[in-house]
Amino acid sequence: MGFYTSEVMTGMPAEFKTDTQKMIYESLEREGISYTRIESDPGISMDDCLNIDKAFGIDTVKTILLTNRQKNKFWLYVTHARKPFITKEFGASLQIPRVSFADEELMLHILGTPHGAATPFGLLREEANDVTFVMDRDVAARDKIVITDGDPCGFIAISNQDLFKLLKKSPVLIENPAEIKI
């Protein structure tokens, strides 16, 4: 059995799986921001992402919520889906101490999403006000990116310009020197 992806659609889904997902679509509609979306099987692995890439004709990105050891500072990092993430290089790029992946409890509290569904849209939540938004420079230079809609089975293609407008912030840009894995 293959990986399911719907046809590319516009507009909000008929039903929302979470309050965060509802907030995302309502924000997009309220601001009049253009986007397309698909529904799919959970897009967790790199192979899953390849299927999502095919559906949109755009490469997906990887979104990671990171925290310091004390769990009182947070970074939401948007990078290439097929580039390795190396915490030491990330920290060096921002001149910050070692970071680690936020656990699911923190993700749910801050972004309103489970693992596999981290999204820059989570920065719309009040709980994410102090999260630093970080993006690879070349990902930020793309016209469009594909990110989750807060659920691992929903993906949105949106222009970076519109994403930054909706979030009312631009990311801190860094270089990810890792090679893309194919």
C-alpha atoms as a PDB file:
ATOM      1  CA  MET A   1       0.000   0.000   0.000  1.00  0.00           C
ATOM      2  CA  GLY A   2       1.375   3.412  -0.993  1.00  0.00           C
ATOM      3  CA  PHE A   3       1.611   6.682   0.863  1.00  0.00           C
ATOM      4  CA  TYR A   4      -1.663   8.631   0.582  1.00  0.00           C
ATOM      5  CA  THR A   5      -1.680  12.264  -0.516  1.00  0.00           C
ATOM      6  CA  SER A   6      -4.824  14.112  -1.511  1.00  0.00           C
ATOM      7  CA  GLU A   7      -5.088  16.382  -4.489  1.00  0.00           C
ATOM      8  CA  VAL A   8      -3.814  19.909  -3.874  1.00  0.00           C
ATOM      9  CA  MET A   9      -6.643  21.996  -2.389  1.00  0.00           C
ATOM     10  CA  THR A  10      -7.325  25.594  -1.410  1.00  0.00           C
ATOM     11  CA  GLY A  11      -9.298  26.836   1.577  1.00  0.00           C
ATOM     12  CA  MET A  12      -9.744  25.499   5.077  1.00  0.00           C
ATOM     13  CA  PRO A  13     -10.464  21.857   5.841  1.00  0.00           C
ATOM     14  CA  ALA A  14     -14.073  20.972   6.709  1.00  0.00           C
ATOM     15  CA  GLU A  15     -12.991  19.850  10.184  1.00  0.00           C
ATOM     16  CA  PHE A  16     -10.043  20.731  12.391  1.00  0.00           C
ATOM     17  CA  LYS A  17      -8.092  18.141  14.359  1.00  0.00           C
ATOM     18  CA  THR A  18      -6.763  20.605  16.960  1.00  0.00           C
ATOM     19  CA  ASP A  19      -7.323  24.134  18.238  1.00  0.00           C
ATOM     20  CA  THR A  20      -3.890  25.071  16.870  1.00  0.00           C
ATOM     21  CA  GLN A  21      -4.817  23.860  13.396  1.00  0.00           C
ATOM     22  CA  LYS A  22      -8.057  25.881  13.554  1.00  0.00           C
ATOM     23  CA  MET A  23      -6.105  28.989  14.660  1.00  0.00           C
ATOM     24  CA  ILE A  24      -3.686  28.562  11.739  1.00  0.00           C
ATOM     25  CA  TYR A  25      -6.373  28.387   9.055  1.00  0.00           C
ATOM     26  CA  GLU A  26      -8.446  31.172  10.606  1.00  0.00           C
ATOM     27  CA  SER A  27      -5.329  33.382  10.704  1.00  0.00           C
ATOM     28  CA  LEU A  28      -4.536  32.650   7.052  1.00  0.00           C
ATOM     29  CA  GLU A  29      -8.116  33.417   6.003  1.00  0.00           C
ATOM     30  CA  ARG A  30      -8.409  36.567   8.171  1.00  0.00           C
ATOM     31  CA  GLU A  31      -5.189  37.976   6.660  1.00  0.00           C
ATOM     32  CA  GLY A  32      -6.231  37.005   3.113  1.00  0.00           C
ATOM     33  CA  ILE A  33      -3.074  34.961   2.623  1.00  0.00           C
ATOM     34  CA  SER A  34      -2.973  32.615  -0.350  1.00  0.00           C
ATOM     35  CA  TYR A  35      -1.965  28.995   0.261  1.00  0.00           C
ATOM     36  CA  THR A  36      -2.561  25.501  -1.032  1.00  0.00           C
ATOM     37  CA  ARG A  37      -2.795  22.387   1.079  1.00  0.00           C
ATOM     38  CA  ILE A  38      -2.917  18.619   1.016  1.00  0.00           C
ATOM     39  CA  GLU A  39      -3.951  15.926   3.431  1.00  0.00           C
ATOM     40  CA  SER A  40      -1.811  12.810   3.659  1.00  0.00           C
ATOM     41  CA  ASP A  41      -0.713   9.875   5.692  1.00  0.00           C
ATOM     42  CA  PRO A  42       1.498  11.097   8.562  1.00  0.00           C
ATOM     43  CA  GLY A  43       4.531  12.794   6.994  1.00  0.00           C
ATOM     44  CA  ILE A  44       7.258  11.842   9.439  1.00  0.00           C
ATOM     45  CA  SER A  45      10.118  10.166   7.556  1.00  0.00           C
ATOM     46  CA  MET A  46      12.226  11.441   4.670  1.00  0.00           C
ATOM     47  CA  ASP A  47      10.478   8.976   2.355  1.00  0.00           C
ATOM     48  CA  ASP A  48       7.105  10.394   3.444  1.00  0.00           C
ATOM     49  CA  CYS A  49       8.363  13.893   2.667  1.00  0.00           C
ATOM     50  CA  LEU A  50       9.342  12.819  -0.858  1.00  0.00           C
ATOM     51  CA  ASN A  51       5.689  11.895  -1.483  1.00  0.00           C
ATOM     52  CA  ILE A  52       4.543  15.252  -0.142  1.00  0.00           C
ATOM     53  CA  ASP A  53       7.173  17.005  -2.310  1.00  0.00           C
ATOM     54  CA  LYS A  54       5.722  15.248  -5.383  1.00  0.00           C
ATOM     55  CA  ALA A  55       2.170  16.295  -4.520  1.00  0.00           C
ATOM     56  CA  PHE A  56       3.134  19.991  -4.334  1.00  0.00           C
ATOM     57  CA  GLY A  57       6.103  20.080  -6.695  1.00  0.00           C
ATOM     58  CA  ILE A  58       7.960  21.900  -3.895  1.00  0.00           C
ATOM     59  CA  ASP A  59      10.458  20.541  -1.357  1.00  0.00           C
ATOM     60  CA  THR A  60       9.199  20.229   2.195  1.00  0.00           C
ATOM     61  CA  VAL A  61      11.213  21.671   5.058  1.00  0.00           C
ATOM     62  CA  LYS A  62      12.022  20.323   8.498  1.00  0.00           C
ATOM     63  CA  THR A  63      10.886  22.360  11.520  1.00  0.00           C
ATOM     64  CA  ILE A  64      12.526  21.679  14.873  1.00  0.00           C
ATOM     65  CA  LEU A  65      11.803  23.125  18.320  1.00  0.00           C
ATOM     66  CA  LEU A  66      15.010  23.372  20.330  1.00  0.00           C
ATOM     67  CA  THR A  67      15.688  24.316  23.926  1.00  0.00           C
ATOM     68  CA  ASN A  68      18.594  25.015  26.229  1.00  0.00           C
ATOM     69  CA  ARG A  69      19.475  22.745  29.140  1.00  0.00           C
ATOM     70  CA  GLN A  70      17.387  24.798  31.573  1.00  0.00           C
ATOM     71  CA  LYS A  71      14.362  24.627  29.222  1.00  0.00           C
ATOM     72  CA  ASN A  72      13.786  28.359  29.512  1.00  0.00           C
ATOM     73  CA  LYS A  73      14.977  29.496  26.038  1.00  0.00           C
ATOM     74  CA  PHE A  74      13.618  28.177  22.760  1.00  0.00           C
ATOM     75  CA  TRP A  75      14.444  28.283  19.061  1.00  0.00           C
ATOM     76  CA  LEU A  76      12.178  27.182  16.220  1.00  0.00           C
ATOM     77  CA  TYR A  77      14.471  26.158  13.364  1.00  0.00           C
ATOM     78  CA  VAL A  78      13.309  25.706   9.764  1.00  0.00           C
ATOM     79  CA  THR A  79      15.824  23.824   7.621  1.00  0.00           C
ATOM     80  CA  HIS A  80      16.079  21.478   4.649  1.00  0.00           C
ATOM     81  CA  ALA A  81      14.126  18.247   5.036  1.00  0.00           C
ATOM     82  CA  ARG A  82      17.088  16.257   3.748  1.00  0.00           C
ATOM     83  CA  LYS A  83      19.999  17.954   5.473  1.00  0.00           C
ATOM     84  CA  PRO A  84      21.311  16.520   8.718  1.00  0.00           C
ATOM     85  CA  PHE A  85      20.808  18.643  11.808  1.00  0.00           C
ATOM     86  CA  ILE A  86      23.887  19.021  14.009  1.00  0.00           C
ATOM     87  CA  THR A  87      23.203  20.742  17.315  1.00  0.00           C
ATOM     88  CA  LYS A  88      26.818  21.864  17.719  1.00  0.00           C
ATOM     89  CA  GLU A  89      26.764  23.684  14.349  1.00  0.00           C
ATOM     90  CA  PHE A  90      23.383  25.242  15.091  1.00  0.00           C
ATOM     91  CA  GLY A  91      24.625  26.576  18.437  1.00  0.00           C
ATOM     92  CA  ALA A  92      27.852  27.871  16.894  1.00  0.00           C
ATOM     93  CA  SER A  93      25.898  29.687  14.149  1.00  0.00           C
ATOM     94  CA  LEU A  94      23.939  31.597  16.802  1.00  0.00           C
ATOM     95  CA  GLN A  95      26.749  31.790  19.356  1.00  0.00           C
ATOM     96  CA  ILE A  96      24.621  30.035  21.960  1.00  0.00           C
ATOM     97  CA  PRO A  97      25.402  27.090  24.247  1.00  0.00           C
ATOM     98  CA  ARG A  98      24.389  23.556  23.445  1.00  0.00           C
ATOM     99  CA  VAL A  99      20.739  22.948  22.598  1.00  0.00           C
ATOM    100  CA  SER A 100      18.590  19.832  22.487  1.00  0.00           C
ATOM    101  CA  PHE A 101      15.270  18.832  20.984  1.00  0.00           C
ATOM    102  CA  ALA A 102      12.249  19.966  22.976  1.00  0.00           C
ATOM    103  CA  ASP A 103      10.207  17.056  24.259  1.00  0.00           C
ATOM    104  CA  GLU A 104       6.618  16.519  23.171  1.00  0.00           C
ATOM    105  CA  GLU A 105       5.199  18.066  26.348  1.00  0.00           C
ATOM    106  CA  LEU A 106       7.046  21.330  25.618  1.00  0.00           C
ATOM    107  CA  MET A 107       6.012  21.211  21.953  1.00  0.00           C
ATOM    108  CA  LEU A 108       2.371  20.807  22.897  1.00  0.00           C
ATOM    109  CA  HIS A 109       2.580  23.640  25.416  1.00  0.00           C
ATOM    110  CA  ILE A 110       4.528  26.106  23.239  1.00  0.00           C
ATOM    111  CA  LEU A 111       3.532  25.319  19.643  1.00  0.00           C
ATOM    112  CA  GLY A 112       0.326  23.376  20.266  1.00  0.00           C
ATOM    113  CA  THR A 113       1.649  20.524  18.102  1.00  0.00           C
ATOM    114  CA  PRO A 114       2.910  16.986  18.659  1.00  0.00           C
ATOM    115  CA  HIS A 115       6.234  15.630  17.348  1.00  0.00           C
ATOM    116  CA  GLY A 116       6.093  15.363  13.583  1.00  0.00           C
ATOM    117  CA  ALA A 117       3.927  18.474  13.282  1.00  0.00           C
ATOM    118  CA  ALA A 118       6.148  21.342  14.432  1.00  0.00           C
ATOM    119  CA  THR A 119       5.389  24.360  12.289  1.00  0.00           C
ATOM    120  CA  PRO A 120       6.351  28.022  12.078  1.00  0.00           C
ATOM    121  CA  PHE A 121       2.616  28.711  12.361  1.00  0.00           C
ATOM    122  CA  GLY A 122       2.961  27.677  16.025  1.00  0.00           C
ATOM    123  CA  LEU A 123       4.680  31.036  16.537  1.00  0.00           C
ATOM    124  CA  LEU A 124       1.221  32.612  16.265  1.00  0.00           C
ATOM    125  CA  ARG A 125       0.422  31.219  19.716  1.00  0.00           C
ATOM    126  CA  GLU A 126       0.848  33.449  22.746  1.00  0.00           C
ATOM    127  CA  GLU A 127       2.862  30.679  24.422  1.00  0.00           C
ATOM    128  CA  ALA A 128       5.475  31.053  21.658  1.00  0.00           C
ATOM    129  CA  ASN A 129       6.075  34.806  22.082  1.00  0.00           C
ATOM    130  CA  ASP A 130       9.613  34.297  23.406  1.00  0.00           C
ATOM    131  CA  VAL A 131      10.657  31.644  20.866  1.00  0.00           C
ATOM    132  CA  THR A 132      13.429  32.759  18.508  1.00  0.00           C
ATOM    133  CA  PHE A 133      12.537  32.037  14.866  1.00  0.00           C
ATOM    134  CA  VAL A 134      15.571  30.706  12.944  1.00  0.00           C
ATOM    135  CA  MET A 135      15.764  29.620   9.295  1.00  0.00           C
ATOM    136  CA  ASP A 136      18.431  28.463   6.883  1.00  0.00           C
ATOM    137  CA  ARG A 137      19.326  31.364   4.631  1.00  0.00           C
ATOM    138  CA  ASP A 138      18.706  29.419   1.423  1.00  0.00           C
ATOM    139  CA  VAL A 139      15.348  28.091   2.682  1.00  0.00           C
ATOM    140  CA  ALA A 140      14.302  31.688   3.443  1.00  0.00           C
ATOM    141  CA  ALA A 141      15.301  32.658  -0.112  1.00  0.00           C
ATOM    142  CA  ARG A 142      12.841  30.187  -1.658  1.00  0.00           C
ATOM    143  CA  ASP A 143       9.645  31.559  -3.137  1.00  0.00           C
ATOM    144  CA  LYS A 144       7.525  28.928  -1.375  1.00  0.00           C
ATOM    145  CA  ILE A 145       7.956  26.303   1.310  1.00  0.00           C
ATOM    146  CA  VAL A 146       5.863  23.359   2.486  1.00  0.00           C
ATOM    147  CA  ILE A 147       5.179  23.114   6.226  1.00  0.00           C
ATOM    148  CA  THR A 148       2.700  21.251   8.412  1.00  0.00           C
ATOM    149  CA  ASP A 149      -0.602  22.789   9.379  1.00  0.00           C
ATOM    150  CA  GLY A 150      -0.051  21.706  12.983  1.00  0.00           C
ATOM    151  CA  ASP A 151      -0.977  18.091  12.275  1.00  0.00           C
ATOM    152  CA  PRO A 152       1.358  15.425  10.830  1.00  0.00           C
ATOM    153  CA  CYS A 153      -1.287  14.650   8.173  1.00  0.00           C
ATOM    154  CA  GLY A 154      -1.745  18.202   6.871  1.00  0.00           C
ATOM    155  CA  PHE A 155       0.665  20.282   4.805  1.00  0.00           C
ATOM    156  CA  ILE A 156       0.504  23.829   3.481  1.00  0.00           C
ATOM    157  CA  ALA A 157       2.475  25.423   0.655  1.00  0.00           C
ATOM    158  CA  ILE A 158       2.931  29.126   1.338  1.00  0.00           C
ATOM    159  CA  SER A 159       5.257  31.853   0.156  1.00  0.00           C
ATOM    160  CA  ASN A 160       7.945  32.811   2.637  1.00  0.00           C
ATOM    161  CA  GLN A 161       6.925  36.449   2.205  1.00  0.00           C
ATOM    162  CA  ASP A 162       3.344  35.628   3.261  1.00  0.00           C
ATOM    163  CA  LEU A 163       4.546  33.442   6.126  1.00  0.00           C
ATOM    164  CA  PHE A 164       6.718  36.247   7.520  1.00  0.00           C
ATOM    165  CA  LYS A 165       3.823  38.706   7.059  1.00  0.00           C
ATOM    166  CA  LEU A 166       1.444  36.424   8.961  1.00  0.00           C
ATOM    167  CA  LEU A 167       3.918  35.811  11.779  1.00  0.00           C
ATOM    168  CA  LYS A 168       4.800  39.530  11.869  1.00  0.00           C
ATOM    169  CA  LYS A 169       8.460  38.611  12.096  1.00  0.00           C
ATOM    170  CA  SER A 170      11.390  37.623   9.971  1.00  0.00           C
ATOM    171  CA  PRO A 171      13.664  34.775  11.007  1.00  0.00           C
ATOM    172  CA  VAL A 172      17.249  34.950  12.142  1.00  0.00           C
ATOM    173  CA  LEU A 173      19.104  33.550   9.118  1.00  0.00           C
ATOM    174  CA  ILE A 174      21.934  31.026   9.423  1.00  0.00           C
ATOM    175  CA  GLU A 175      23.912  28.731   7.118  1.00  0.00           C
ATOM    176  CA  ASN A 176      23.508  24.944   7.336  1.00  0.00           C
ATOM    177  CA  PRO A 177      26.726  23.617   5.776  1.00  0.00           C
ATOM    178  CA  ALA A 178      25.585  19.966   5.772  1.00  0.00           C
ATOM    179  CA  GLU A 179      25.188  18.107   2.485  1.00  0.00           C
ATOM    180  CA  ILE A 180      21.695  17.162   1.306  1.00  0.00           C
ATOM    181  CA  LYS A 181      20.990  13.441   1.695  1.00  0.00           C
ATOM    182  CA  ILE A 182      19.196  11.863  -1.238  1.00  0.00           C
END
